[in-house]
Protein backbone atom coordinates (compact mmCIF):
# COMPACT_ATOMS: atom_id res chain seq x y z
CA MET A 1 10.73 -47.43 -23.55
CA ALA A 2 10.79 -46.23 -19.95
CA GLU A 3 11.23 -42.55 -19.22
CA GLY A 4 14.50 -41.68 -17.54
CA LYS A 5 15.04 -39.46 -14.54
CA THR A 6 14.68 -35.76 -15.22
CA LYS A 7 15.83 -32.81 -13.14
CA GLU A 8 14.67 -29.34 -14.10
CA ILE A 9 17.49 -26.79 -14.24
CA ALA A 10 15.86 -23.58 -15.54
CA TYR A 11 12.43 -22.39 -16.69
CA ASN A 12 11.67 -19.38 -18.89
CA ARG A 13 8.64 -17.73 -17.29
CA LYS A 14 8.92 -14.71 -19.58
CA ALA A 15 8.24 -16.89 -22.62
CA LYS A 16 4.77 -17.85 -21.38
CA HIS A 17 4.04 -14.22 -20.57
CA ASP A 18 5.17 -12.78 -23.91
CA TYR A 19 4.16 -15.53 -26.36
CA PHE A 20 1.44 -18.01 -27.24
CA LEU A 21 3.39 -21.30 -27.08
CA GLU A 22 2.19 -23.84 -29.63
CA ASP A 23 4.50 -26.73 -30.60
CA PHE A 24 7.19 -28.01 -28.25
CA TYR A 25 10.40 -29.77 -29.26
CA GLU A 26 13.09 -31.46 -27.16
CA CYS A 27 16.64 -30.98 -28.35
CA GLY A 28 20.14 -31.62 -27.14
CA LEU A 29 22.97 -29.09 -26.97
CA VAL A 30 26.58 -29.15 -28.06
CA LEU A 31 28.47 -28.16 -24.89
CA THR A 32 31.98 -28.21 -23.47
CA GLY A 33 32.91 -30.04 -20.26
CA THR A 34 32.90 -26.98 -18.03
CA GLU A 35 29.54 -25.83 -19.42
CA ILE A 36 27.77 -29.06 -18.48
CA LYS A 37 29.29 -28.89 -15.00
CA SER A 38 27.98 -25.36 -14.61
CA ILE A 39 24.54 -26.44 -15.89
CA ARG A 40 24.42 -29.25 -13.32
CA GLU A 41 24.96 -26.60 -10.63
CA GLY A 42 22.01 -24.64 -12.08
CA HIS A 43 23.90 -21.60 -13.42
CA VAL A 44 21.77 -21.04 -16.54
CA GLN A 45 19.69 -18.06 -17.66
CA PHE A 46 17.78 -17.64 -20.90
CA LYS A 47 15.72 -14.57 -20.27
CA ASP A 48 16.58 -12.92 -23.61
CA ALA A 49 17.57 -16.08 -25.50
CA TYR A 50 16.11 -17.12 -28.82
CA VAL A 51 16.67 -19.83 -31.41
CA SER A 52 17.70 -19.09 -34.98
CA ILE A 53 18.20 -21.38 -37.94
CA PHE A 54 21.29 -20.79 -40.07
CA ARG A 55 22.43 -23.01 -42.96
CA GLY A 56 20.23 -25.90 -41.91
CA GLU A 57 21.38 -25.88 -38.27
CA ALA A 58 19.57 -24.59 -35.18
CA TRP A 59 21.50 -22.29 -32.85
CA ILE A 60 20.54 -20.78 -29.51
CA LYS A 61 21.68 -17.20 -29.04
CA GLY A 62 21.77 -15.13 -25.87
CA MET A 63 21.66 -18.03 -23.40
CA HIS A 64 23.93 -17.36 -20.43
CA ILE A 65 25.80 -20.26 -18.82
CA SER A 66 28.04 -18.97 -16.04
CA ALA A 67 31.70 -19.94 -16.02
CA TYR A 68 32.46 -23.04 -13.98
CA LYS A 69 34.14 -21.86 -10.78
CA TYR A 70 36.76 -24.66 -10.78
CA GLY A 71 37.51 -24.42 -14.49
CA SER A 72 40.50 -22.42 -15.64
CA PHE A 73 41.60 -22.18 -19.28
CA ALA A 74 38.81 -24.59 -20.27
CA ASN A 75 36.05 -22.04 -19.60
CA VAL A 76 34.46 -20.57 -22.71
CA ASP A 77 32.50 -17.39 -23.41
CA GLU A 78 29.40 -17.35 -21.23
CA GLU A 79 27.01 -16.12 -23.94
CA ARG A 80 28.39 -17.85 -27.00
CA ASP A 81 26.05 -19.33 -29.60
CA ARG A 82 25.43 -23.04 -29.01
CA LYS A 83 24.32 -25.58 -31.58
CA LEU A 84 21.07 -27.44 -30.96
CA LEU A 85 20.69 -31.08 -31.91
CA LEU A 86 17.49 -31.67 -33.88
CA HIS A 87 16.58 -33.89 -36.81
CA LYS A 88 16.92 -32.32 -40.26
CA ASP A 89 13.22 -32.68 -41.01
CA GLU A 90 12.33 -30.94 -37.72
CA ILE A 91 14.71 -28.09 -38.54
CA ALA A 92 13.25 -27.74 -42.05
CA LYS A 93 9.69 -27.70 -40.67
CA LEU A 94 10.55 -25.10 -38.03
CA ASP A 95 12.44 -22.96 -40.54
CA SER A 96 9.49 -22.88 -42.94
CA LYS A 97 7.06 -21.88 -40.17
CA VAL A 98 9.36 -19.18 -38.83
CA ARG A 99 9.91 -17.70 -42.30
CA THR A 100 6.31 -17.68 -43.53
CA LYS A 101 3.89 -17.37 -40.63
CA GLY A 102 5.56 -14.89 -38.28
CA TYR A 103 6.46 -17.40 -35.60
CA THR A 104 9.59 -17.38 -33.48
CA LEU A 105 11.47 -20.08 -31.59
CA VAL A 106 11.98 -19.53 -27.87
CA PRO A 107 13.58 -21.72 -25.20
CA VAL A 108 11.09 -22.77 -22.55
CA ARG A 109 13.03 -24.92 -20.10
CA MET A 110 16.29 -26.76 -19.60
CA TYR A 111 16.55 -30.06 -17.79
CA LEU A 112 18.80 -33.05 -17.30
CA LYS A 113 17.50 -36.32 -18.71
CA ASN A 114 19.58 -39.40 -17.93
CA GLY A 115 22.49 -37.09 -17.12
CA ARG A 116 22.33 -35.22 -20.44
CA ALA A 117 21.30 -31.59 -20.83
CA LYS A 118 18.13 -31.14 -22.88
CA LEU A 119 16.45 -27.94 -23.96
CA GLU A 120 12.74 -27.64 -24.65
CA ILE A 121 12.00 -25.06 -27.33
CA ALA A 122 8.61 -23.86 -28.49
CA LEU A 123 7.21 -22.46 -31.69
CA ALA A 124 5.68 -19.23 -30.43
CA LYS A 125 3.61 -16.33 -31.66
CA GLY A 126 3.95 -12.95 -29.95
CA LYS A 127 1.21 -11.65 -27.67
CA ASP A 128 -0.14 -8.13 -27.94
CA LEU A 129 -0.62 -5.98 -24.85
CA TYR A 130 -4.36 -6.67 -24.68
CA ASP A 131 -3.66 -10.42 -24.86
CA LYS A 132 -1.36 -10.12 -21.85
CA ARG A 133 -4.01 -8.18 -19.94
CA GLN A 134 -6.65 -10.79 -20.79
CA THR A 135 -4.40 -13.62 -19.59
CA GLU A 136 -3.71 -11.74 -16.36
CA LYS A 137 -7.44 -11.09 -15.84
CA ILE A 138 -8.26 -14.81 -16.25
CA ARG A 139 -5.47 -15.78 -13.84
CA ASP A 140 -6.68 -13.28 -11.21
CA ALA A 141 -10.28 -14.48 -11.51
CA SER A 142 -9.30 -18.13 -11.06
CA ARG A 143 -7.16 -17.19 -8.05
CA GLU A 144 -10.09 -15.34 -6.47
CA MET A 145 -12.41 -18.32 -7.06
CA ALA A 146 -9.90 -20.66 -5.45
CA LYS A 147 -9.65 -18.37 -2.40
CA ALA A 148 -13.45 -18.21 -2.09
CA LEU A 149 -13.78 -22.00 -2.30
CA LYS A 150 -11.05 -22.43 0.30
CA ARG A 151 -12.85 -20.11 2.75
CA LYS A 152 -16.19 -21.93 2.32
CA GLY A 153 -14.73 -25.46 2.47
């Protein structure tokens, strides 16, 4: 099957900084008409968002979708909980890992795929402060090497 057109809407840079991202899952969202219009304009933030599993369903909490500027009574609460569309076996697998091993589910990016909003979530494990420093040290060293190679070449 051919891959459809994708357009990236939002990316969660804080997730990569604060967590070790391990398994990635693509899921759909249950949205209203004005929410998808606002998403297409790029008015999405999930800086403090997280995914929780409740009664066998996955929900994203804390994701901010701004109100559509041309919507009136059809606009909904900007930070309401939204249901994620995943297969039952995926939800069960994620729920067991989150409950037993100390993992959490974080949103990584949102994009449009064939005109439909998709959310990429990741099974993540929290980084300690020294892990963050180590990651930053590696990034700085590779940046310095790239600069040195650019000057020589």
